[in-house]
PDB file of N, CA and C in Angstrom:
ATOM      1  N   UNK A   1      68.158-145.575 134.829  1.00  0.00           N
ATOM      2  CA  UNK A   1      68.908-144.990 133.684  1.00  0.00           C
ATOM      3  C   UNK A   1      68.825-146.352 132.706  1.00  0.00           C
ATOM      4  N   UNK A   2      69.332-145.356 131.090  1.00  0.00           N
ATOM      5  CA  UNK A   2      68.721-145.639 130.333  1.00  0.00           C
ATOM      6  C   UNK A   2      70.631-146.058 129.143  1.00  0.00           C
ATOM      7  N   UNK A   3      70.339-147.369 128.892  1.00  0.00           N
ATOM      8  CA  UNK A   3      71.899-146.943 127.252  1.00  0.00           C
ATOM      9  C   UNK A   3      71.275-146.819 125.824  1.00  0.00           C
ATOM     10  N   UNK A   4      71.999-146.351 125.347  1.00  0.00           N
ATOM     11  CA  UNK A   4      71.875-145.603 124.469  1.00  0.00           C
ATOM     12  C   UNK A   4      73.047-146.102 123.469  1.00  0.00           C
ATOM     13  N   UNK A   5      72.363-147.075 122.457  1.00  0.00           N
ATOM     14  CA  UNK A   5      73.403-147.146 121.009  1.00  0.00           C
ATOM     15  C   UNK A   5      72.842-146.782 119.644  1.00  0.00           C
ATOM     16  N   UNK A   6      73.897-145.964 119.361  1.00  0.00           N
ATOM     17  CA  UNK A   6      73.764-144.876 117.829  1.00  0.00           C
ATOM     18  C   UNK A   6      75.192-145.443 117.108  1.00  0.00           C
ATOM     19  N   UNK A   7      74.184-145.755 115.889  1.00  0.00           N
ATOM     20  CA  UNK A   7      74.947-146.264 114.765  1.00  0.00           C
ATOM     21  C   UNK A   7      74.720-145.399 113.610  1.00  0.00           C
ATOM     22  N   UNK A   8      75.998-144.614 113.181  1.00  0.00           N
ATOM     23  CA  UNK A   8      76.096-143.852 112.532  1.00  0.00           C
ATOM     24  C   UNK A   8      76.957-143.447 111.283  1.00  0.00           C
ATOM     25  N   UNK A   9      76.808-142.593 110.917  1.00  0.00           N
ATOM     26  CA  UNK A   9      78.222-142.820 109.617  1.00  0.00           C
ATOM     27  C   UNK A   9      79.608-142.103 110.188  1.00  0.00           C
ATOM     28  N   UNK A  10      80.883-143.033 109.714  1.00  0.00           N
ATOM     29  CA  UNK A  10      81.768-142.442 110.560  1.00  0.00           C
ATOM     30  C   UNK A  10      82.630-141.171 110.299  1.00  0.00           C
ATOM     31  N   UNK A  11      81.895-140.109 109.219  1.00  0.00           N
ATOM     32  CA  UNK A  11      82.547-138.772 108.899  1.00  0.00           C
ATOM     33  C   UNK A  11      81.486-137.903 109.585  1.00  0.00           C
ATOM     34  N   UNK A  12      80.825-138.625 110.515  1.00  0.00           N
ATOM     35  CA  UNK A  12      79.702-137.585 111.526  1.00  0.00           C
ATOM     36  C   UNK A  12      80.169-137.395 112.932  1.00  0.00           C
ATOM     37  N   UNK A  13      80.860-138.473 113.251  1.00  0.00           N
ATOM     38  CA  UNK A  13      81.387-138.477 114.077  1.00  0.00           C
ATOM     39  C   UNK A  13      81.898-137.397 115.142  1.00  0.00           C
ATOM     40  N   UNK A  14      82.832-136.922 114.490  1.00  0.00           N
ATOM     41  CA  UNK A  14      83.658-135.716 115.122  1.00  0.00           C
ATOM     42  C   UNK A  14      82.716-134.692 115.777  1.00  0.00           C
ATOM     43  N   UNK A  15      81.504-134.616 114.832  1.00  0.00           N
ATOM     44  CA  UNK A  15      80.412-133.453 114.481  1.00  0.00           C
ATOM     45  C   UNK A  15      79.438-133.733 115.478  1.00  0.00           C
ATOM     46  N   UNK A  16      79.233-135.689 115.888  1.00  0.00           N
ATOM     47  CA  UNK A  16      78.070-135.421 116.757  1.00  0.00           C
ATOM     48  C   UNK A  16      78.642-135.296 118.148  1.00  0.00           C
ATOM     49  N   UNK A  17      80.444-136.024 118.611  1.00  0.00           N
ATOM     50  CA  UNK A  17      80.706-136.543 120.004  1.00  0.00           C
ATOM     51  C   UNK A  17      80.975-134.404 120.973  1.00  0.00           C
ATOM     52  N   UNK A  18      80.945-134.077 119.541  1.00  0.00           N
ATOM     53  CA  UNK A  18      81.419-132.366 119.601  1.00  0.00           C
ATOM     54  C   UNK A  18      80.111-131.520 120.169  1.00  0.00           C
ATOM     55  N   UNK A  19      79.008-131.753 119.251  1.00  0.00           N
ATOM     56  CA  UNK A  19      78.097-131.991 119.991  1.00  0.00           C
ATOM     57  C   UNK A  19      77.336-131.978 121.389  1.00  0.00           C
ATOM     58  N   UNK A  20      77.976-133.469 121.644  1.00  0.00           N
ATOM     59  CA  UNK A  20      77.597-134.144 122.563  1.00  0.00           C
ATOM     60  C   UNK A  20      78.045-133.700 123.750  1.00  0.00           C
ATOM     61  N   UNK A  21      78.869-132.952 123.974  1.00  0.00           N
ATOM     62  CA  UNK A  21      80.109-132.626 124.710  1.00  0.00           C
ATOM     63  C   UNK A  21      79.862-131.310 125.549  1.00  0.00           C
ATOM     64  N   UNK A  22      79.140-130.707 124.206  1.00  0.00           N
ATOM     65  CA  UNK A  22      78.469-129.062 123.978  1.00  0.00           C
ATOM     66  C   UNK A  22      77.295-129.239 125.174  1.00  0.00           C
ATOM     67  N   UNK A  23      76.879-130.495 125.341  1.00  0.00           N
ATOM     68  CA  UNK A  23      75.403-130.669 125.713  1.00  0.00           C
ATOM     69  C   UNK A  23      75.850-131.203 127.211  1.00  0.00           C
ATOM     70  N   UNK A  24      77.152-131.546 127.378  1.00  0.00           N
ATOM     71  CA  UNK A  24      77.203-131.712 128.463  1.00  0.00           C
ATOM     72  C   UNK A  24      77.028-133.473 129.031  1.00  0.00           C
ATOM     73  N   UNK A  25      77.066-134.041 128.242  1.00  0.00           N
ATOM     74  CA  UNK A  25      77.258-135.208 128.061  1.00  0.00           C
ATOM     75  C   UNK A  25      78.578-135.677 127.213  1.00  0.00           C
ATOM     76  N   UNK A  26      79.450-135.918 128.325  1.00  0.00           N
ATOM     77  CA  UNK A  26      81.286-135.680 128.093  1.00  0.00           C
ATOM     78  C   UNK A  26      81.443-137.519 128.306  1.00  0.00           C
ATOM     79  N   UNK A  27      80.388-138.366 128.087  1.00  0.00           N
ATOM     80  CA  UNK A  27      81.268-139.672 128.849  1.00  0.00           C
ATOM     81  C   UNK A  27      80.360-140.829 127.827  1.00  0.00           C
ATOM     82  N   UNK A  28      80.945-141.436 126.548  1.00  0.00           N
ATOM     83  CA  UNK A  28      80.561-141.965 126.226  1.00  0.00           C
ATOM     84  C   UNK A  28      81.834-143.373 125.362  1.00  0.00           C
ATOM     85  N   UNK A  29      80.896-144.217 124.798  1.00  0.00           N
ATOM     86  CA  UNK A  29      82.285-145.167 124.267  1.00  0.00           C
ATOM     87  C   UNK A  29      81.989-144.957 122.590  1.00  0.00           C
ATOM     88  N   UNK A  30      82.907-145.293 121.233  1.00  0.00           N
ATOM     89  CA  UNK A  30      82.676-145.062 120.605  1.00  0.00           C
ATOM     90  C   UNK A  30      83.412-146.298 119.774  1.00  0.00           C
ATOM     91  N   UNK A  31      82.693-147.472 119.050  1.00  0.00           N
ATOM     92  CA  UNK A  31      83.351-148.217 118.740  1.00  0.00           C
ATOM     93  C   UNK A  31      83.462-148.617 117.099  1.00  0.00           C
ATOM     94  N   UNK A  32      84.507-148.561 116.162  1.00  0.00           N
ATOM     95  CA  UNK A  32      84.323-148.615 114.883  1.00  0.00           C
ATOM     96  C   UNK A  32      83.906-150.183 114.035  1.00  0.00           C
ATOM     97  N   UNK A  33      83.127-150.450 112.615  1.00  0.00           N
ATOM     98  CA  UNK A  33      82.355-151.372 112.814  1.00  0.00           C
ATOM     99  C   UNK A  33      82.229-151.286 111.763  1.00  0.00           C
ATOM    100  N   UNK A  34      81.235-152.724 110.823  1.00  0.00           N
ATOM    101  CA  UNK A  34      80.938-152.489 109.637  1.00  0.00           C
ATOM    102  C   UNK A  34      79.278-153.042 109.364  1.00  0.00           C
ATOM    103  N   UNK A  35      78.401-152.297 108.542  1.00  0.00           N
ATOM    104  CA  UNK A  35      77.481-153.224 108.786  1.00  0.00           C
ATOM    105  C   UNK A  35      76.373-153.276 107.362  1.00  0.00           C
ATOM    106  N   UNK A  36      75.678-154.532 107.631  1.00  0.00           N
ATOM    107  CA  UNK A  36      74.908-154.888 106.376  1.00  0.00           C
ATOM    108  C   UNK A  36      73.154-155.165 106.722  1.00  0.00           C
ATOM    109  N   UNK A  37      72.513-154.139 105.753  1.00  0.00           N
ATOM    110  CA  UNK A  37      71.517-154.158 106.187  1.00  0.00           C
ATOM    111  C   UNK A  37      70.480-153.486 105.156  1.00  0.00           C
ATOM    112  N   UNK A  38      69.153-153.657 105.436  1.00  0.00           N
ATOM    113  CA  UNK A  38      68.806-152.813 103.799  1.00  0.00           C
ATOM    114  C   UNK A  38      68.483-151.051 103.889  1.00  0.00           C
ATOM    115  N   UNK A  39      69.115-151.069 104.890  1.00  0.00           N
ATOM    116  CA  UNK A  39      69.306-149.346 104.914  1.00  0.00           C
ATOM    117  C   UNK A  39      70.890-148.772 104.541  1.00  0.00           C
ATOM    118  N   UNK A  40      71.801-149.101 103.599  1.00  0.00           N
ATOM    119  CA  UNK A  40      72.611-148.925 103.457  1.00  0.00           C
ATOM    120  C   UNK A  40      72.766-148.015 102.326  1.00  0.00           C
ATOM    121  N   UNK A  41      73.786-147.363 102.249  1.00  0.00           N
ATOM    122  CA  UNK A  41      73.478-146.081 100.349  1.00  0.00           C
ATOM    123  C   UNK A  41      73.744-146.725  99.682  1.00  0.00           C
ATOM    124  N   UNK A  42      73.714-146.728  98.704  1.00  0.00           N
ATOM    125  CA  UNK A  42      74.009-147.645  97.946  1.00  0.00           C
ATOM    126  C   UNK A  42      75.634-146.845  97.112  1.00  0.00           C
ATOM    127  N   UNK A  43      76.077-145.563  97.402  1.00  0.00           N
ATOM    128  CA  UNK A  43      76.107-144.644  96.957  1.00  0.00           C
ATOM    129  C   UNK A  43      77.940-145.134  97.480  1.00  0.00           C
ATOM    130  N   UNK A  44      77.745-145.283  99.236  1.00  0.00           N
ATOM    131  CA  UNK A  44      78.418-145.624  99.424  1.00  0.00           C
ATOM    132  C   UNK A  44      78.994-147.383 100.201  1.00  0.00           C
ATOM    133  N   UNK A  45      78.414-148.079  99.838  1.00  0.00           N
ATOM    134  CA  UNK A  45      78.800-149.281  99.735  1.00  0.00           C
ATOM    135  C   UNK A  45      79.423-149.917  98.661  1.00  0.00           C
ATOM    136  N   UNK A  46      80.226-151.278  99.415  1.00  0.00           N
ATOM    137  CA  UNK A  46      81.407-151.642  99.132  1.00  0.00           C
ATOM    138  C   UNK A  46      82.290-152.778  99.699  1.00  0.00           C
ATOM    139  N   UNK A  47      82.229-153.483  98.673  1.00  0.00           N
ATOM    140  CA  UNK A  47      83.197-154.648  99.532  1.00  0.00           C
ATOM    141  C   UNK A  47      84.284-154.262 100.411  1.00  0.00           C
ATOM    142  N   UNK A  48      84.114-155.739 101.461  1.00  0.00           N
ATOM    143  CA  UNK A  48      85.745-155.555 102.062  1.00  0.00           C
ATOM    144  C   UNK A  48      86.283-157.059 102.223  1.00  0.00           C
ATOM    145  N   UNK A  49      87.455-156.875 102.239  1.00  0.00           N
ATOM    146  CA  UNK A  49      88.662-157.972 102.426  1.00  0.00           C
ATOM    147  C   UNK A  49      88.130-158.203 103.867  1.00  0.00           C
ATOM    148  N   UNK A  50      88.318-157.950 104.642  1.00  0.00           N
ATOM    149  CA  UNK A  50      87.399-158.906 106.131  1.00  0.00           C
ATOM    150  C   UNK A  50      85.928-159.580 105.677  1.00  0.00           C
ATOM    151  N   UNK A  51      84.790-158.581 105.249  1.00  0.00           N
ATOM    152  CA  UNK A  51      83.844-159.409 104.767  1.00  0.00           C
ATOM    153  C   UNK A  51      83.261-159.550 103.714  1.00  0.00           C
ATOM    154  N   UNK A  52      83.537-160.194 102.828  1.00  0.00           N
ATOM    155  CA  UNK A  52      83.548-160.070 100.999  1.00  0.00           C
ATOM    156  C   UNK A  52      81.903-159.970 100.858  1.00  0.00           C
ATOM    157  N   UNK A  53      81.251-159.295 101.185  1.00  0.00           N
ATOM    158  CA  UNK A  53      79.856-158.557 100.754  1.00  0.00           C
ATOM    159  C   UNK A  53      79.739-157.485 100.958  1.00  0.00           C
ATOM    160  N   UNK A  54      78.399-156.321  99.930  1.00  0.00           N
ATOM    161  CA  UNK A  54      78.412-155.062 100.080  1.00  0.00           C
ATOM    162  C   UNK A  54      78.048-154.772 101.618  1.00  0.00           C
ATOM    163  N   UNK A  55      78.271-153.976 102.535  1.00  0.00           N
ATOM    164  CA  UNK A  55      78.103-153.405 103.769  1.00  0.00           C
ATOM    165  C   UNK A  55      79.042-151.362 103.911  1.00  0.00           C
ATOM    166  N   UNK A  56      78.479-150.990 104.696  1.00  0.00           N
ATOM    167  CA  UNK A  56      78.711-150.123 105.295  1.00  0.00           C
ATOM    168  C   UNK A  56      79.559-149.847 106.394  1.00  0.00           C
ATOM    169  N   UNK A  57      80.421-148.658 106.528  1.00  0.00           N
ATOM    170  CA  UNK A  57      81.452-148.723 107.405  1.00  0.00           C
ATOM    171  C   UNK A  57      80.060-147.791 108.530  1.00  0.00           C
ATOM    172  N   UNK A  58      80.493-148.068 109.427  1.00  0.00           N
ATOM    173  CA  UNK A  58      79.181-147.324 110.974  1.00  0.00           C
ATOM    174  C   UNK A  58      80.451-147.058 111.936  1.00  0.00           C
ATOM    175  N   UNK A  59      80.051-146.177 112.807  1.00  0.00           N
ATOM    176  CA  UNK A  59      80.330-145.815 114.056  1.00  0.00           C
ATOM    177  C   UNK A  59      79.051-146.325 115.117  1.00  0.00           C
ATOM    178  N   UNK A  60      79.770-147.013 116.157  1.00  0.00           N
ATOM    179  CA  UNK A  60      78.743-146.605 117.032  1.00  0.00           C
ATOM    180  C   UNK A  60      78.961-145.782 118.230  1.00  0.00           C
ATOM    181  N   UNK A  61      78.207-145.416 118.437  1.00  0.00           N
ATOM    182  CA  UNK A  61      78.122-145.020 120.361  1.00  0.00           C
ATOM    183  C   UNK A  61      77.364-145.276 121.615  1.00  0.00           C
ATOM    184  N   UNK A  62      77.616-145.895 122.331  1.00  0.00           N
ATOM    185  CA  UNK A  62      77.658-146.772 123.378  1.00  0.00           C
ATOM    186  C   UNK A  62      77.500-145.354 124.819  1.00  0.00           C
ATOM    187  N   UNK A  63      76.536-144.912 125.320  1.00  0.00           N
ATOM    188  CA  UNK A  63      76.156-144.083 126.511  1.00  0.00           C
ATOM    189  C   UNK A  63      75.552-144.475 127.661  1.00  0.00           C
ATOM    190  N   UNK A  64      75.490-144.184 129.159  1.00  0.00           N
ATOM    191  CA  UNK A  64      74.250-144.295 129.802  1.00  0.00           C
ATOM    192  C   UNK A  64      73.848-143.344 130.250  1.00  0.00           C
ATOM    193  N   UNK A  65      72.657-142.896 131.028  1.00  0.00           N
ATOM    194  CA  UNK A  65      72.318-141.573 131.093  1.00  0.00           C
ATOM    195  C   UNK A  65      71.166-142.206 131.636  1.00  0.00           C
ATOM    196  N   UNK A  66      70.566-140.726 132.431  1.00  0.00           N
ATOM    197  CA  UNK A  66      69.696-140.813 133.607  1.00  0.00           C
ATOM    198  C   UNK A  66      68.467-140.798 132.202  1.00  0.00           C
ATOM    199  N   UNK A  67      66.833-141.284 132.219  1.00  0.00           N
ATOM    200  CA  UNK A  67      66.040-141.321 131.628  1.00  0.00           C
ATOM    201  C   UNK A  67      65.681-139.844 131.151  1.00  0.00           C
ATOM    202  N   UNK A  68      65.777-139.137 131.900  1.00  0.00           N
ATOM    203  CA  UNK A  68      64.993-137.874 131.589  1.00  0.00           C
ATOM    204  C   UNK A  68      65.918-137.314 130.939  1.00  0.00           C
ATOM    205  N   UNK A  69      67.381-137.995 130.356  1.00  0.00           N
ATOM    206  CA  UNK A  69      68.213-137.445 129.515  1.00  0.00           C
ATOM    207  C   UNK A  69      68.071-137.238 127.559  1.00  0.00           C
ATOM    208  N   UNK A  70      67.200-138.813 128.261  1.00  0.00           N
ATOM    209  CA  UNK A  70      67.327-139.508 126.444  1.00  0.00           C
ATOM    210  C   UNK A  70      67.131-138.232 125.282  1.00  0.00           C
ATOM    211  N   UNK A  71      65.494-137.782 125.663  1.00  0.00           N
ATOM    212  CA  UNK A  71      65.281-137.317 124.347  1.00  0.00           C
ATOM    213  C   UNK A  71      66.371-136.078 123.913  1.00  0.00           C
ATOM    214  N   UNK A  72      66.855-135.309 124.852  1.00  0.00           N
ATOM    215  CA  UNK A  72      67.540-134.353 124.737  1.00  0.00           C
ATOM    216  C   UNK A  72      69.167-134.921 124.019  1.00  0.00           C
ATOM    217  N   UNK A  73      69.108-136.150 124.475  1.00  0.00           N
ATOM    218  CA  UNK A  73      70.436-137.032 123.905  1.00  0.00           C
ATOM    219  C   UNK A  73      70.415-137.218 122.264  1.00  0.00           C
ATOM    220  N   UNK A  74      69.234-137.868 122.057  1.00  0.00           N
ATOM    221  CA  UNK A  74      68.716-138.505 120.871  1.00  0.00           C
ATOM    222  C   UNK A  74      68.589-137.258 119.795  1.00  0.00           C
ATOM    223  N   UNK A  75      67.971-136.030 120.493  1.00  0.00           N
ATOM    224  CA  UNK A  75      67.910-135.194 119.164  1.00  0.00           C
ATOM    225  C   UNK A  75      69.296-134.655 119.096  1.00  0.00           C
ATOM    226  N   UNK A  76      70.099-134.695 119.724  1.00  0.00           N
ATOM    227  CA  UNK A  76      71.416-133.602 119.012  1.00  0.00           C
ATOM    228  C   UNK A  76      71.808-134.903 118.198  1.00  0.00           C
ATOM    229  N   UNK A  77      72.215-136.069 118.530  1.00  0.00           N
ATOM    230  CA  UNK A  77      72.254-136.739 117.492  1.00  0.00           C
ATOM    231  C   UNK A  77      71.987-136.764 116.794  1.00  0.00           C
ATOM    232  N   UNK A  78      70.466-136.999 116.250  1.00  0.00           N
ATOM    233  CA  UNK A  78      69.903-137.156 115.070  1.00  0.00           C
ATOM    234  C   UNK A  78      69.960-135.759 114.011  1.00  0.00           C
ATOM    235  N   UNK A  79      70.454-134.903 115.371  1.00  0.00           N
ATOM    236  CA  UNK A  79      70.657-133.131 114.492  1.00  0.00           C
ATOM    237  C   UNK A  79      71.615-133.395 113.621  1.00  0.00           C
ATOM    238  N   UNK A  80      72.909-133.384 114.117  1.00  0.00           N
ATOM    239  CA  UNK A  80      73.880-134.049 113.790  1.00  0.00           C
ATOM    240  C   UNK A  80      74.923-135.191 112.841  1.00  0.00           C
ATOM    241  N   UNK A  81      74.036-136.326 112.703  1.00  0.00           N
ATOM    242  CA  UNK A  81      74.369-137.512 112.532  1.00  0.00           C
ATOM    243  C   UNK A  81      73.372-137.351 110.710  1.00  0.00           C
ATOM    244  N   UNK A  82      72.345-136.554 110.725  1.00  0.00           N
ATOM    245  CA  UNK A  82      71.794-136.654 109.278  1.00  0.00           C
ATOM    246  C   UNK A  82      72.935-136.122 108.058  1.00  0.00           C
ATOM    247  N   UNK A  83      72.364-137.314 106.961  1.00  0.00           N
ATOM    248  CA  UNK A  83      72.659-136.485 105.606  1.00  0.00           C
ATOM    249  C   UNK A  83      71.409-136.626 105.061  1.00  0.00           C
ATOM    250  N   UNK A  84      70.514-137.148 105.248  1.00  0.00           N
ATOM    251  CA  UNK A  84      69.444-136.829 104.692  1.00  0.00           C
ATOM    252  C   UNK A  84      69.007-138.274 103.803  1.00  0.00           C
ATOM    253  N   UNK A  85      70.351-138.969 103.341  1.00  0.00           N
ATOM    254  CA  UNK A  85      70.640-140.326 102.306  1.00  0.00           C
ATOM    255  C   UNK A  85      69.753-141.480 103.487  1.00  0.00           C
ATOM    256  N   UNK A  86      69.502-142.408 102.805  1.00  0.00           N
ATOM    257  CA  UNK A  86      69.165-143.204 103.481  1.00  0.00           C
ATOM    258  C   UNK A  86      70.689-144.374 103.876  1.00  0.00           C
ATOM    259  N   UNK A  87      70.786-145.162 105.113  1.00  0.00           N
ATOM    260  CA  UNK A  87      71.853-145.305 105.915  1.00  0.00           C
ATOM    261  C   UNK A  87      72.493-144.067 106.610  1.00  0.00           C
ATOM    262  N   UNK A  88      71.615-143.518 107.357  1.00  0.00           N
ATOM    263  CA  UNK A  88      72.441-142.117 108.661  1.00  0.00           C
ATOM    264  C   UNK A  88      72.134-143.152 109.304  1.00  0.00           C
ATOM    265  N   UNK A  89      71.754-144.338 110.194  1.00  0.00           N
ATOM    266  CA  UNK A  89      71.626-144.672 110.852  1.00  0.00           C
ATOM    267  C   UNK A  89      70.662-145.229 111.805  1.00  0.00           C
ATOM    268  N   UNK A  90      70.965-145.452 112.830  1.00  0.00           N
ATOM    269  CA  UNK A  90      69.451-146.094 114.053  1.00  0.00           C
ATOM    270  C   UNK A  90      70.334-145.959 115.494  1.00  0.00           C
ATOM    271  N   UNK A  91      69.288-145.223 116.211  1.00  0.00           N
ATOM    272  CA  UNK A  91      69.431-145.214 117.612  1.00  0.00           C
ATOM    273  C   UNK A  91      68.111-146.116 118.498  1.00  0.00           C
ATOM    274  N   UNK A  92      69.063-147.114 119.299  1.00  0.00           N
ATOM    275  CA  UNK A  92      68.472-147.862 120.382  1.00  0.00           C
ATOM    276  C   UNK A  92      68.607-147.303 121.727  1.00  0.00           C
ATOM    277  N   UNK A  93      67.838-147.438 122.155  1.00  0.00           N
ATOM    278  CA  UNK A  93      67.445-147.099 123.730  1.00  0.00           C
ATOM    279  C   UNK A  93      67.100-148.333 124.284  1.00  0.00           C
ATOM    280  N   UNK A  94      67.889-148.858 125.463  1.00  0.00           N
ATOM    281  CA  UNK A  94      67.435-150.124 126.364  1.00  0.00           C
ATOM    282  C   UNK A  94      68.063-149.731 127.460  1.00  0.00           C
ATOM    283  N   UNK A  95      67.061-150.499 128.663  1.00  0.00           N
ATOM    284  CA  UNK A  95      66.797-150.297 129.806  1.00  0.00           C
ATOM    285  C   UNK A  95      68.547-150.630 130.901  1.00  0.00           C
ATOM    286  N   UNK A  96      68.893-149.825 131.782  1.00  0.00           N
ATOM    287  CA  UNK A  96      70.053-150.554 132.259  1.00  0.00           C
ATOM    288  C   UNK A  96      69.319-150.736 134.075  1.00  0.00           C
ATOM    289  N   UNK A  97      69.902-151.955 134.075  1.00  0.00           N
ATOM    290  CA  UNK A  97      69.056-152.615 135.272  1.00  0.00           C
ATOM    291  C   UNK A  97      70.572-151.758 137.093  1.00  0.00           C
ATOM    292  N   UNK A  98      71.399-151.929 136.393  1.00  0.00           N
ATOM    293  CA  UNK A  98      72.267-151.453 137.812  1.00  0.00           C
ATOM    294  C   UNK A  98      73.765-150.914 137.089  1.00  0.00           C
ATOM    295  N   UNK A  99      74.655-149.969 137.765  1.00  0.00           N
ATOM    296  CA  UNK A  99      76.056-149.637 137.272  1.00  0.00           C
ATOM    297  C   UNK A  99      77.265-149.887 139.170  1.00  0.00           C
ATOM    298  N   UNK A 100      77.720-150.680 138.395  1.00  0.00           N
ATOM    299  CA  UNK A 100      79.086-150.954 139.227  1.00  0.00           C
ATOM    300  C   UNK A 100      80.359-150.151 139.006  1.00  0.00           C
ATOM    301  N   UNK A 101      81.227-150.017 139.701  1.00  0.00           N
ATOM    302  CA  UNK A 101      82.596-149.160 139.185  1.00  0.00           C
ATOM    303  C   UNK A 101      83.052-150.398 139.541  1.00  0.00           C
ATOM    304  N   UNK A 102      83.974-150.799 138.784  1.00  0.00           N
ATOM    305  CA  UNK A 102      85.410-152.043 139.001  1.00  0.00           C
ATOM    306  C   UNK A 102      86.093-151.170 140.137  1.00  0.00           C
ATOM    307  N   UNK A 103      86.307-150.228 140.429  1.00  0.00           N
ATOM    308  CA  UNK A 103      87.308-149.619 141.419  1.00  0.00           C
ATOM    309  C   UNK A 103      86.625-149.882 143.147  1.00  0.00           C
ATOM    310  N   UNK A 104      85.682-149.946 142.857  1.00  0.00           N
ATOM    311  CA  UNK A 104      84.724-149.735 144.209  1.00  0.00           C
ATOM    312  C   UNK A 104      85.284-151.089 144.816  1.00  0.00           C
ATOM    313  N   UNK A 105      85.553-151.525 146.547  1.00  0.00           N
ATOM    314  CA  UNK A 105      85.891-152.451 146.620  1.00  0.00           C
ATOM    315  C   UNK A 105      84.316-153.060 147.423  1.00  0.00           C
ATOM    316  N   UNK A 106      84.740-154.859 147.365  1.00  0.00           N
ATOM    317  CA  UNK A 106      83.715-155.638 147.282  1.00  0.00           C
ATOM    318  C   UNK A 106      83.319-155.711 148.654  1.00  0.00           C
TER     319      UNK A 106
END
């Protein structure tokens, strides 16, 4: 199993989520955050009261999938999250050792 973490622009979330669901990847988690890095878009970076330095708003999508599904998920995210400008985001893929449902009895 693999874990995919995608950091994208907030305004792209609805489109990316729509197409992930359309491709039958219905279950994922979304986090709102702020990022700082070399790849920020100078047209949209600004200081925050919470974090007083230049940064961009970001959304992180996390999902776990089978290894074979990774290329399709990455293609879906890239296709629908791109603007062609610096700061469009990053995608990370990691190994997942195991999964345990909390509701399962021990």
